[in-house]
């Protein structure tokens, strides 16, 4: 095993990161289960399996898996339609089996087609959403929307209306705890000697102690709804009773298979996106095999479904928190899973003392690191074909949800590629000859159907009484549709405008006859001018150049 990926190569940092992720995961697991209409403990089971099972089998060193907010609507609808939670669990198992198959047939390579500007936009959008969603908690407005990152919330609010509602529900105690927690997270590491203790852990302890100190003060004290809320079993048998098993007798139900297929597709896409984004954040710049990740996720969902857990994906909020807290190997996610199991079984009452305001502080710092202004500045420097899809992805995710936003970002990115192709199908030169203007179009090495529109516009806008040389000597491939456009121009459109067409370098397989060598040589002998310009092809640029003289 590589030193960088050895489980024990960064045990101190990984334990600290695992602890931070565990603290963040508790309310998220419970909130997602609540939003999904599932038993609260099913969210904890998914978090435990995501940490221990997927953490063990995954090739990613930093990705953290667990119940995903992006699946809440699907889960809620499926449980309602199937009529029972144990039947839904069978669909989760089927979804996991299908993911395992997708990994075995190497379907994970689809991840290679996600543009980097869309992935960067997703990270920035997640950072903005984290901040917007956690600000109400930071001020003590703890509505039941912890599991949702969608713009429209289950409680009837949306992201911005929840911020406005916060103004009517500000808790001075929660605000104090948030501010002190943020200061601890930002500056604890700068204090000599004591910085060996992880700052987020210090923030959590400080939050608990502050709330205990506020006890009895009606203005400052936080009630139960402002604290983590984990089910508390009264005995070991009560704890085991929280596990549910799938109803295998429903295996022939068509709706179960449809739900399983839906879970497999959505969970796989979300996982591949999040793993790619996590790799971009990795300080060591390691690469995760998407096919191995699909297999690990499939195994995890099979196990989760078998023991009563929600469907699982890689989740970027916990993954980015893992990286920011110092995690460097998969040990951190396995520690987070172990802590979820231990605390859910043995000390849930201790976790229930943690103020949500403290966790909001941890997430606010994490969100800020994802969407710093520097990210936006760097994207704008890369040109409009990078920043337009980036901005579209950010805005779409913030105002819809993760998968819809990614889809819009991908669509805009494809449009940007198409527009870019319109400018790269050829190079043009305007030359001065005794007989008048000659425009030389040198076709690019690859001319696909995406370039047809640009070439067609250029040929249609050529002025009358000129000569055009279409040079294919450097071209390895020309699409059939483009060849048809050139034939139609040479045989029909050019004669109508008294344009002389000279074809050079076209292969025999194209079935377009080149201009006889004697005519080409005669044209070359008449040249007495100089080249005005050579530029990437675009009919507007060419028209502007033709008008210079």
Protein backbone atom coordinates (compact mmCIF):
# COMPACT_ATOMS: atom_id res chain seq x y z
CA UNK A 1 0.00 0.00 0.00
CA UNK A 2 1.28 3.48 -0.88
CA UNK A 3 2.54 5.46 2.13
CA UNK A 4 0.02 8.20 1.30
CA UNK A 5 -2.88 5.74 1.56
CA UNK A 6 -1.74 3.61 4.51
CA UNK A 7 -4.53 3.46 7.08
CA UNK A 8 -2.20 4.47 9.90
CA UNK A 9 -0.09 7.08 8.08
CA UNK A 10 -2.12 10.02 9.47
CA UNK A 11 -3.85 8.56 12.50
CA UNK A 12 -3.91 11.79 14.52
CA UNK A 13 -5.36 13.90 11.69
CA UNK A 14 -7.74 11.13 10.63
CA UNK A 15 -9.11 10.69 14.15
CA UNK A 16 -9.69 14.43 14.45
CA UNK A 17 -11.39 14.52 11.02
CA UNK A 18 -13.45 11.42 11.79
CA UNK A 19 -14.68 13.04 15.00
CA UNK A 20 -15.68 16.22 13.15
CA UNK A 21 -17.49 14.30 10.42
CA UNK A 22 -19.26 12.20 13.06
CA UNK A 23 -20.55 15.32 14.82
CA UNK A 24 -21.80 16.74 11.53
CA UNK A 25 -23.26 13.41 10.39
CA UNK A 26 -25.51 12.88 13.43
CA UNK A 27 -28.02 15.70 12.73
CA UNK A 28 -27.76 15.16 8.96
CA UNK A 29 -28.55 11.45 9.24
CA UNK A 30 -31.51 12.17 11.49
CA UNK A 31 -32.71 15.11 9.41
CA UNK A 32 -32.60 13.18 6.14
CA UNK A 33 -34.51 10.28 7.70
CA UNK A 34 -37.11 12.72 8.99
CA UNK A 35 -37.44 14.44 5.59
CA UNK A 36 -37.70 11.02 3.89
CA UNK A 37 -40.62 9.85 6.05
CA UNK A 38 -38.51 6.96 7.34
CA UNK A 39 -37.72 5.84 10.92
CA UNK A 40 -35.08 8.15 12.43
CA UNK A 41 -32.76 5.25 13.19
CA UNK A 42 -32.67 4.27 9.50
CA UNK A 43 -30.61 7.40 8.87
CA UNK A 44 -28.13 6.40 11.56
CA UNK A 45 -27.85 2.91 10.08
CA UNK A 46 -27.06 4.40 6.66
CA UNK A 47 -24.38 6.62 8.23
CA UNK A 48 -22.82 3.65 10.06
CA UNK A 49 -22.78 1.48 6.92
CA UNK A 50 -21.46 4.37 4.83
CA UNK A 51 -18.57 4.84 7.23
CA UNK A 52 -17.63 1.23 7.99
CA UNK A 53 -18.69 -0.86 4.97
CA UNK A 54 -18.27 1.59 2.10
CA UNK A 55 -15.27 3.15 3.85
CA UNK A 56 -13.60 -0.28 3.85
CA UNK A 57 -14.36 -1.24 0.24
CA UNK A 58 -14.04 2.21 -1.39
CA UNK A 59 -10.93 3.24 -3.27
CA UNK A 60 -11.43 6.86 -2.25
CA UNK A 61 -9.30 8.02 0.63
CA UNK A 62 -11.42 11.04 1.50
CA UNK A 63 -14.98 10.50 0.31
CA UNK A 64 -17.55 10.05 3.09
CA UNK A 65 -20.75 8.15 2.34
CA UNK A 66 -24.09 8.22 4.08
CA UNK A 67 -27.77 9.05 3.56
CA UNK A 68 -28.08 11.74 0.89
CA UNK A 69 -30.39 14.75 0.81
CA UNK A 70 -30.67 14.34 -2.96
CA UNK A 71 -32.63 11.11 -2.49
CA UNK A 72 -35.15 12.33 0.09
CA UNK A 73 -37.93 13.04 -2.41
CA UNK A 74 -37.41 9.66 -4.09
CA UNK A 75 -37.43 7.83 -0.75
CA UNK A 76 -40.51 9.68 0.53
CA UNK A 77 -42.46 8.97 -2.68
CA UNK A 78 -41.34 5.32 -2.79
CA UNK A 79 -42.28 4.57 0.82
CA UNK A 80 -45.73 6.08 0.21
CA UNK A 81 -46.25 4.22 -3.06
CA UNK A 82 -44.98 0.84 -1.81
CA UNK A 83 -47.03 1.15 1.38
CA UNK A 84 -44.49 -0.19 3.87
CA UNK A 85 -40.93 0.62 4.90
CA UNK A 86 -39.81 -3.03 4.84
CA UNK A 87 -40.90 -3.31 1.17
CA UNK A 88 -38.91 -0.15 0.42
CA UNK A 89 -35.85 -1.77 2.03
CA UNK A 90 -36.07 -4.53 -0.59
CA UNK A 91 -35.86 -1.84 -3.29
CA UNK A 92 -32.71 -0.49 -1.59
CA UNK A 93 -31.15 -3.98 -1.73
CA UNK A 94 -32.07 -4.30 -5.42
CA UNK A 95 -30.61 -0.85 -6.10
CA UNK A 96 -27.38 -1.91 -4.42
CA UNK A 97 -27.21 -5.09 -6.54
CA UNK A 98 -27.67 -3.03 -9.71
CA UNK A 99 -24.90 -0.63 -8.62
CA UNK A 100 -22.62 -3.60 -8.06
CA UNK A 101 -23.36 -4.79 -11.60
CA UNK A 102 -22.69 -1.28 -12.99
CA UNK A 103 -19.30 -1.33 -11.29
CA UNK A 104 -18.49 -4.80 -12.64
CA UNK A 105 -19.30 -3.78 -16.24
CA UNK A 106 -17.16 -0.63 -15.75
CA UNK A 107 -20.01 1.84 -16.22
CA UNK A 108 -18.25 4.24 -13.86
CA UNK A 109 -16.15 5.60 -16.73
CA UNK A 110 -19.08 7.93 -17.47
CA UNK A 111 -17.56 10.10 -14.73
CA UNK A 112 -14.76 11.04 -17.15
CA UNK A 113 -17.28 13.06 -19.17
CA UNK A 114 -18.20 15.49 -16.38
CA UNK A 115 -16.59 18.88 -17.22
CA UNK A 116 -14.33 20.37 -14.55
CA UNK A 117 -16.19 23.71 -14.65
CA UNK A 118 -19.43 21.93 -13.70
CA UNK A 119 -17.71 20.04 -10.86
CA UNK A 120 -16.15 23.27 -9.57
CA UNK A 121 -19.55 24.97 -9.86
CA UNK A 122 -21.14 22.16 -7.85
CA UNK A 123 -18.59 22.61 -5.06
CA UNK A 124 -19.09 26.37 -4.95
CA UNK A 125 -22.88 25.95 -4.97
CA UNK A 126 -22.72 23.42 -2.13
CA UNK A 127 -20.63 25.92 -0.15
CA UNK A 128 -23.22 28.68 -0.72
CA UNK A 129 -26.08 26.32 0.19
CA UNK A 130 -24.33 25.19 3.36
CA UNK A 131 -23.98 28.80 4.47
CA UNK A 132 -27.56 29.73 3.56
CA UNK A 133 -29.03 26.62 5.19
CA UNK A 134 -26.94 26.86 8.36
CA UNK A 135 -27.45 30.57 9.08
CA UNK A 136 -30.93 29.92 10.60
CA UNK A 137 -29.42 27.28 12.91
CA UNK A 138 -26.60 29.68 13.77
CA UNK A 139 -29.19 32.15 15.09
CA UNK A 140 -31.36 29.52 16.76
CA UNK A 141 -34.12 29.03 14.17
CA UNK A 142 -34.10 25.22 14.05
CA UNK A 143 -36.97 24.30 11.75
CA UNK A 144 -37.21 20.70 10.63
CA UNK A 145 -35.16 20.96 7.44
CA UNK A 146 -31.73 19.66 8.51
CA UNK A 147 -31.64 17.00 5.80
CA UNK A 148 -32.52 19.16 2.83
CA UNK A 149 -30.26 21.15 0.52
CA UNK A 150 -33.04 21.80 -2.01
CA UNK A 151 -34.25 25.38 -2.49
CA UNK A 152 -37.86 24.50 -1.61
CA UNK A 153 -38.10 22.93 1.85
CA UNK A 154 -40.53 20.40 3.24
CA UNK A 155 -41.77 22.89 5.85
CA UNK A 156 -43.13 25.22 3.16
CA UNK A 157 -40.21 27.64 3.36
CA UNK A 158 -37.50 28.12 0.76
CA UNK A 159 -33.85 28.93 1.35
CA UNK A 160 -34.35 32.71 1.36
CA UNK A 161 -37.71 32.84 3.13
CA UNK A 162 -36.16 30.74 5.91
CA UNK A 163 -33.50 33.42 6.30
CA UNK A 164 -36.20 36.09 6.62
CA UNK A 165 -38.12 33.94 9.11
CA UNK A 166 -34.93 33.68 11.15
CA UNK A 167 -35.23 37.38 11.97
CA UNK A 168 -38.37 36.57 13.99
CA UNK A 169 -36.80 33.64 15.83
CA UNK A 170 -33.33 34.83 16.85
CA UNK A 171 -32.03 33.16 19.99
CA UNK A 172 -29.37 35.18 21.81
CA UNK A 173 -27.99 32.01 23.40
CA UNK A 174 -27.61 30.21 20.07
CA UNK A 175 -26.02 33.28 18.49
CA UNK A 176 -23.45 33.53 21.29
CA UNK A 177 -22.62 29.82 20.99
CA UNK A 178 -22.23 30.13 17.20
CA UNK A 179 -19.90 33.13 17.40
CA UNK A 180 -17.71 31.56 20.08
CA UNK A 181 -17.61 28.25 18.17
CA UNK A 182 -16.51 30.00 14.94
CA UNK A 183 -13.77 31.88 16.80
CA UNK A 184 -12.55 28.61 18.34
CA UNK A 185 -12.52 26.84 14.93
CA UNK A 186 -10.63 29.71 13.27
CA UNK A 187 -8.08 30.52 15.97
CA UNK A 188 -7.64 27.48 18.25
CA UNK A 189 -4.91 25.98 16.05
CA UNK A 190 -2.84 29.18 16.48
CA UNK A 191 -2.53 28.75 20.24
CA UNK A 192 0.74 26.94 21.09
CA UNK A 193 0.67 23.56 22.89
CA UNK A 194 -3.13 23.30 23.32
CA UNK A 195 -3.70 23.03 19.53
CA UNK A 196 -3.11 19.26 19.75
CA UNK A 197 -6.82 18.97 20.62
CA UNK A 198 -8.99 19.33 17.44
CA UNK A 199 -10.64 22.76 17.22
CA UNK A 200 -14.11 21.38 16.27
CA UNK A 201 -14.06 19.10 19.33
CA UNK A 202 -13.18 22.09 21.52
CA UNK A 203 -16.03 24.03 19.89
CA UNK A 204 -18.50 21.20 20.64
CA UNK A 205 -17.38 20.95 24.28
CA UNK A 206 -17.57 24.73 24.61
CA UNK A 207 -21.08 24.72 23.12
CA UNK A 208 -22.28 22.09 25.60
CA UNK A 209 -20.70 23.91 28.55
CA UNK A 210 -22.09 27.28 27.49
CA UNK A 211 -25.60 25.88 27.18
CA UNK A 212 -25.26 24.26 30.61
CA UNK A 213 -24.15 27.62 31.97
CA UNK A 214 -27.21 29.23 30.37
CA UNK A 215 -29.53 26.78 32.16
CA UNK A 216 -32.25 28.59 34.09
CA UNK A 217 -31.94 31.73 32.02
CA UNK A 218 -35.05 32.02 29.86
CA UNK A 219 -33.32 34.32 27.37
CA UNK A 220 -30.11 32.35 26.83
CA UNK A 221 -30.91 28.67 27.54
CA UNK A 222 -31.55 26.41 24.53
CA UNK A 223 -34.47 23.98 24.58
CA UNK A 224 -34.48 20.42 23.29
CA UNK A 225 -35.47 21.47 19.75
CA UNK A 226 -32.19 23.42 19.49
CA UNK A 227 -30.11 20.33 20.34
CA UNK A 228 -29.15 17.12 18.53
CA UNK A 229 -32.00 14.62 18.81
CA UNK A 230 -30.99 10.96 18.72
CA UNK A 231 -33.29 8.07 19.72
CA UNK A 232 -32.41 6.75 23.20
CA UNK A 233 -32.97 2.97 23.61
CA UNK A 234 -33.78 1.83 27.17
CA UNK A 235 -32.09 -1.55 26.77
CA UNK A 236 -29.96 -3.59 24.37
CA UNK A 237 -33.09 -5.32 23.08
CA UNK A 238 -34.60 -1.88 22.39
CA UNK A 239 -31.46 -1.01 20.42
CA UNK A 240 -31.69 -4.22 18.33
CA UNK A 241 -35.40 -3.58 17.82
CA UNK A 242 -34.54 -0.47 15.83
CA UNK A 243 -33.16 -2.62 12.99
CA UNK A 244 -35.67 -3.61 10.28
CA UNK A 245 -35.38 -6.34 7.64
CA UNK A 246 -36.69 -6.23 4.06
CA UNK A 247 -39.84 -8.08 3.01
CA UNK A 248 -38.47 -10.47 0.39
CA UNK A 249 -41.96 -11.75 -0.43
CA UNK A 250 -42.45 -8.52 -2.43
CA UNK A 251 -39.68 -9.47 -4.90
CA UNK A 252 -42.19 -9.90 -7.73
CA UNK A 253 -43.67 -6.41 -7.29
CA UNK A 254 -42.91 -4.34 -10.41
CA UNK A 255 -42.89 -1.09 -8.40
CA UNK A 256 -40.15 -2.47 -6.14
CA UNK A 257 -37.90 -3.06 -9.17
CA UNK A 258 -38.68 0.37 -10.63
CA UNK A 259 -37.79 1.98 -7.30
CA UNK A 260 -34.60 -0.09 -7.08
CA UNK A 261 -33.55 0.97 -10.60
CA UNK A 262 -34.29 4.62 -9.80
CA UNK A 263 -32.19 4.45 -6.61
CA UNK A 264 -29.33 2.77 -8.50
CA UNK A 265 -29.22 5.42 -11.24
CA UNK A 266 -29.63 8.53 -9.06
CA UNK A 267 -27.32 7.27 -6.30
CA UNK A 268 -24.65 6.28 -8.84
CA UNK A 269 -24.71 9.63 -10.65
CA UNK A 270 -24.60 11.57 -7.38
CA UNK A 271 -21.78 9.39 -6.07
CA UNK A 272 -19.65 9.77 -9.21
CA UNK A 273 -20.11 13.55 -9.15
CA UNK A 274 -19.24 13.80 -5.46
CA UNK A 275 -16.21 11.50 -5.70
CA UNK A 276 -14.85 13.51 -8.64
CA UNK A 277 -15.38 16.72 -6.65
CA UNK A 278 -13.70 15.19 -3.59
CA UNK A 279 -10.66 14.20 -5.68
CA UNK A 280 -10.36 17.83 -6.78
CA UNK A 281 -10.22 18.90 -3.12
CA UNK A 282 -7.67 16.23 -2.17
CA UNK A 283 -4.42 17.99 -1.12
CA UNK A 284 -2.49 14.92 -2.34
CA UNK A 285 -4.30 14.92 -5.74
CA UNK A 286 -5.11 11.20 -5.73
CA UNK A 287 -7.53 9.63 -8.20
CA UNK A 288 -10.43 7.35 -7.28
CA UNK A 289 -11.49 4.52 -9.59
CA UNK A 290 -15.17 5.23 -10.41
CA UNK A 291 -15.84 1.54 -11.09
CA UNK A 292 -14.46 0.45 -7.73
CA UNK A 293 -16.52 3.19 -6.09
CA UNK A 294 -19.73 1.92 -7.73
CA UNK A 295 -18.99 -1.58 -6.47
CA UNK A 296 -18.33 -0.27 -2.94
CA UNK A 297 -21.55 1.77 -3.01
CA UNK A 298 -23.46 -1.27 -4.27
CA UNK A 299 -22.18 -3.42 -1.40
CA UNK A 300 -23.00 -0.64 1.05
CA UNK A 301 -26.58 -0.25 -0.18
CA UNK A 302 -27.13 -4.00 -0.07
CA UNK A 303 -26.02 -4.10 3.58
CA UNK A 304 -27.96 -0.93 4.47
CA UNK A 305 -31.16 -2.29 2.92
CA UNK A 306 -30.75 -5.65 4.65
CA UNK A 307 -30.61 -4.13 8.16
CA UNK A 308 -33.05 -1.23 7.83
CA UNK A 309 -31.01 1.70 6.49
CA UNK A 310 -31.71 4.39 3.92
CA UNK A 311 -30.00 4.36 0.50
CA UNK A 312 -26.45 5.70 0.55
CA UNK A 313 -24.30 7.88 -1.72
CA UNK A 314 -21.03 9.71 -1.41
CA UNK A 315 -21.87 13.09 0.14
CA UNK A 316 -19.84 16.23 -0.54
CA UNK A 317 -20.74 18.13 2.66
CA UNK A 318 -19.24 15.46 4.89
CA UNK A 319 -16.40 14.75 2.45
CA UNK A 320 -15.31 18.40 2.31
CA UNK A 321 -15.59 18.68 6.10
CA UNK A 322 -13.39 15.57 6.33
CA UNK A 323 -10.69 17.20 4.17
CA UNK A 324 -10.86 20.55 5.95
CA UNK A 325 -10.54 18.83 9.34
CA UNK A 326 -7.28 17.12 8.32
CA UNK A 327 -8.47 13.73 7.03
CA UNK A 328 -6.00 12.12 4.62
CA UNK A 329 -6.91 8.41 4.45
CA UNK A 330 -10.06 6.31 4.59
CA UNK A 331 -9.39 5.74 8.29
CA UNK A 332 -11.23 9.02 9.02
CA UNK A 333 -14.50 7.88 7.42
CA UNK A 334 -14.23 4.49 9.17
CA UNK A 335 -13.67 6.26 12.51
CA UNK A 336 -16.75 8.41 11.84
CA UNK A 337 -18.79 5.23 11.18
CA UNK A 338 -17.46 3.56 14.32
CA UNK A 339 -18.32 6.59 16.46
CA UNK A 340 -21.85 6.66 15.02
CA UNK A 341 -22.30 2.99 16.00
CA UNK A 342 -20.80 3.35 19.48
CA UNK A 343 -22.69 6.49 20.38
CA UNK A 344 -26.01 5.34 18.91
CA UNK A 345 -25.75 2.19 21.02
CA UNK A 346 -24.15 3.44 24.23
CA UNK A 347 -24.28 7.20 24.79
CA UNK A 348 -26.99 8.84 22.68
CA UNK A 349 -27.95 11.03 25.66
CA UNK A 350 -24.52 12.72 25.56
CA UNK A 351 -24.88 13.56 21.87
CA UNK A 352 -28.29 15.02 22.61
CA UNK A 353 -26.57 17.74 24.65
CA UNK A 354 -24.79 19.22 21.57
CA UNK A 355 -26.32 22.53 20.37
CA UNK A 356 -27.17 22.65 16.67
CA UNK A 357 -25.62 26.14 16.71
CA UNK A 358 -22.18 24.59 17.31
CA UNK A 359 -22.59 22.22 14.37
CA UNK A 360 -23.78 25.15 12.27
CA UNK A 361 -20.52 26.94 13.09
CA UNK A 362 -18.47 23.97 11.87
CA UNK A 363 -20.49 23.84 8.64
CA UNK A 364 -20.34 27.61 8.06
CA UNK A 365 -16.54 27.47 8.06
CA UNK A 366 -16.63 24.44 5.75
CA UNK A 367 -19.04 26.18 3.37
CA UNK A 368 -16.90 29.31 3.23
CA UNK A 369 -13.85 27.29 2.19
CA UNK A 370 -15.82 25.81 -0.73
CA UNK A 371 -17.10 29.09 -2.17
CA UNK A 372 -14.34 31.62 -1.49
CA UNK A 373 -14.12 34.56 -3.91
CA UNK A 374 -10.83 33.16 -5.15
CA UNK A 375 -12.71 30.25 -6.77
CA UNK A 376 -14.89 32.66 -8.74
CA UNK A 377 -11.92 34.83 -9.75
CA UNK A 378 -10.01 31.84 -11.09
CA UNK A 379 -12.98 30.66 -13.14
CA UNK A 380 -13.48 34.12 -14.67
CA UNK A 381 -9.81 34.19 -15.68
CA UNK A 382 -10.33 30.99 -17.72
CA UNK A 383 -12.65 32.69 -20.24
CA UNK A 384 -16.38 32.64 -20.90
CA UNK A 385 -16.47 29.04 -22.13
CA UNK A 386 -15.43 28.03 -18.60
CA UNK A 387 -17.18 30.58 -16.39
CA UNK A 388 -20.59 30.60 -18.13
CA UNK A 389 -21.26 26.87 -17.40
CA UNK A 390 -19.69 27.38 -13.96
CA UNK A 391 -22.07 30.23 -13.06
CA UNK A 392 -25.05 28.38 -14.58
CA UNK A 393 -24.24 25.35 -12.40
CA UNK A 394 -23.90 27.45 -9.23
CA UNK A 395 -27.15 29.37 -9.77
CA UNK A 396 -29.12 26.28 -10.85
CA UNK A 397 -28.06 24.18 -7.86
CA UNK A 398 -28.76 26.98 -5.38
CA UNK A 399 -32.27 27.59 -6.79
CA UNK A 400 -33.27 23.96 -7.51
CA UNK A 401 -31.38 20.96 -6.17
CA UNK A 402 -28.14 19.10 -6.82
CA UNK A 403 -29.08 16.83 -9.71
CA UNK A 404 -31.25 19.35 -11.58
CA UNK A 405 -28.51 21.96 -11.21
CA UNK A 406 -25.86 19.55 -12.50
CA UNK A 407 -28.09 18.73 -15.48
CA UNK A 408 -28.51 22.42 -16.33
CA UNK A 409 -24.78 23.01 -15.91
CA UNK A 410 -23.99 20.08 -18.21
CA UNK A 411 -26.44 21.39 -20.83
CA UNK A 412 -24.88 24.87 -20.75
CA UNK A 413 -21.42 23.31 -20.95
CA UNK A 414 -22.43 21.34 -24.05
CA UNK A 415 -23.81 24.53 -25.65
CA UNK A 416 -20.53 26.26 -24.87
CA UNK A 417 -18.64 23.41 -26.54
CA UNK A 418 -20.88 23.66 -29.60
CA UNK A 419 -20.30 27.41 -29.78
CA UNK A 420 -16.58 26.91 -29.35
CA UNK A 421 -16.56 24.35 -32.17
CA UNK A 422 -18.09 26.94 -34.47
CA UNK A 423 -14.86 28.91 -34.10
CA UNK A 424 -12.32 26.10 -34.43
CA UNK A 425 -13.30 24.20 -37.58
CA UNK A 426 -10.90 26.13 -39.80
CA UNK A 427 -8.37 28.94 -40.02
CA UNK A 428 -8.82 31.70 -42.55
CA UNK A 429 -6.42 33.99 -44.35
CA UNK A 430 -7.26 36.94 -46.56
CA UNK A 431 -4.70 37.48 -49.29
CA UNK A 432 -4.35 40.22 -51.92
CA UNK A 433 -4.07 39.06 -55.51
CA UNK A 434 -3.98 40.86 -58.85
CA UNK A 435 -7.39 39.44 -59.63
CA UNK A 436 -8.91 40.53 -56.32
CA UNK A 437 -9.47 39.11 -52.86
CA UNK A 438 -8.75 35.47 -52.15
CA UNK A 439 -9.92 33.85 -48.95
CA UNK A 440 -8.04 30.74 -47.88
CA UNK A 441 -9.87 28.39 -45.50
CA UNK A 442 -7.53 25.84 -43.93
CA UNK A 443 -9.66 23.07 -42.40
CA UNK A 444 -8.74 21.81 -38.93
CA UNK A 445 -7.39 18.32 -38.28
CA UNK A 446 -10.81 17.02 -37.22
CA UNK A 447 -13.95 18.50 -38.77
CA UNK A 448 -17.08 16.96 -37.21
CA UNK A 449 -20.80 17.57 -37.68
CA UNK A 450 -20.50 20.11 -34.85
CA UNK A 451 -18.51 22.31 -37.25
CA UNK A 452 -21.12 22.23 -40.01
CA UNK A 453 -22.94 25.38 -38.86
CA UNK A 454 -19.75 27.48 -38.77
CA UNK A 455 -18.55 26.38 -42.22
CA UNK A 456 -22.02 26.81 -43.74
CA UNK A 457 -22.33 30.37 -42.35
CA UNK A 458 -18.86 31.25 -43.63
CA UNK A 459 -19.47 29.98 -47.16
CA UNK A 460 -22.90 31.63 -47.34
CA UNK A 461 -21.43 35.02 -46.34
CA UNK A 462 -18.55 35.08 -48.82
CA UNK A 463 -18.82 38.14 -51.11
CA UNK A 464 -19.36 37.77 -54.85
CA UNK A 465 -16.51 37.94 -57.38
CA UNK A 466 -13.90 36.48 -55.06
CA UNK A 467 -11.81 33.34 -54.97
CA UNK A 468 -11.95 30.86 -52.11
CA UNK A 469 -9.34 28.19 -51.50
CA UNK A 470 -10.58 25.33 -49.30
CA UNK A 471 -7.47 23.52 -48.06
CA UNK A 472 -7.87 20.03 -46.54
CA UNK A 473 -4.21 19.01 -46.65
CA UNK A 474 -3.84 18.93 -42.83
CA UNK A 475 -7.21 17.29 -42.22
CA UNK A 476 -7.47 13.69 -40.98
CA UNK A 477 -11.27 13.47 -40.88
CA UNK A 478 -14.17 15.41 -42.40
CA UNK A 479 -17.77 14.60 -41.46
CA UNK A 480 -20.15 13.53 -44.26
CA UNK A 481 -22.52 16.47 -43.60
CA UNK A 482 -19.65 18.95 -43.94
CA UNK A 483 -18.59 17.34 -47.22
CA UNK A 484 -22.15 17.71 -48.50
CA UNK A 485 -22.07 21.42 -47.55
CA UNK A 486 -18.81 21.94 -49.48
CA UNK A 487 -20.17 20.07 -52.55
CA UNK A 488 -23.35 22.15 -52.55
CA UNK A 489 -21.35 25.38 -52.26
CA UNK A 490 -18.97 24.46 -55.10
CA UNK A 491 -21.61 23.17 -57.50
CA UNK A 492 -24.58 25.47 -56.80
CA UNK A 493 -23.99 28.49 -54.55
CA UNK A 494 -20.54 29.60 -55.76
CA UNK A 495 -21.46 29.85 -59.48
CA UNK A 496 -24.49 31.98 -58.58
CA UNK A 497 -22.19 34.58 -56.93
CA UNK A 498 -19.34 34.26 -59.44
CA UNK A 499 -17.05 32.81 -56.77
CA UNK A 500 -14.08 30.74 -57.94
CA UNK A 501 -13.59 27.66 -55.75
CA UNK A 502 -10.22 25.92 -55.49
CA UNK A 503 -10.17 22.62 -53.58
CA UNK A 504 -6.84 21.29 -52.29
CA UNK A 505 -5.91 18.18 -50.31
CA UNK A 506 -9.25 16.32 -50.30
CA UNK A 507 -8.81 12.53 -50.05
CA UNK A 508 -10.25 10.22 -52.69
CA UNK A 509 -12.59 8.68 -50.11
CA UNK A 510 -14.35 12.05 -49.74
CA UNK A 511 -15.45 11.86 -53.41
CA UNK A 512 -14.81 15.56 -53.87
CA UNK A 513 -12.46 16.20 -56.84
CA UNK A 514 -9.52 18.47 -56.11
CA UNK A 515 -8.88 21.40 -58.42
CA UNK A 516 -6.38 20.38 -61.16
CA UNK A 517 -2.80 21.22 -60.25
CA UNK A 518 -2.33 23.47 -63.27
CA UNK A 519 -5.14 25.79 -62.12
CA UNK A 520 -3.76 25.87 -58.59
CA UNK A 521 -0.31 26.80 -59.89
CA UNK A 522 -1.77 29.50 -62.14
CA UNK A 523 -3.60 31.01 -59.17
CA UNK A 524 -0.41 30.98 -57.09
CA UNK A 525 1.58 32.77 -59.83
CA UNK A 526 -0.84 35.69 -59.71
CA UNK A 527 -0.16 36.39 -56.05
CA UNK A 528 1.61 39.66 -55.36
CA UNK A 529 0.22 40.72 -51.99
CA UNK A 530 0.75 39.68 -48.42
CA UNK A 531 -1.20 37.84 -45.76
CA UNK A 532 -3.35 40.22 -43.74
CA UNK A 533 -4.34 37.83 -41.00
CA UNK A 534 -4.65 34.24 -39.89
CA UNK A 535 -7.22 33.47 -37.20
CA UNK A 536 -9.56 30.81 -35.85
CA UNK A 537 -12.56 30.51 -38.16
CA UNK A 538 -15.65 32.57 -37.52
CA UNK A 539 -17.74 34.09 -40.28
CA UNK A 540 -18.19 37.39 -38.38
CA UNK A 541 -14.44 37.79 -37.97
CA UNK A 542 -13.92 36.94 -41.63
CA UNK A 543 -16.50 39.50 -42.79
CA UNK A 544 -14.84 42.15 -40.65
CA UNK A 545 -11.46 41.31 -42.20
CA UNK A 546 -12.86 41.47 -45.74
CA UNK A 547 -14.15 44.96 -45.05
CA UNK A 548 -10.75 46.31 -44.00
CA UNK A 549 -9.86 47.17 -47.57
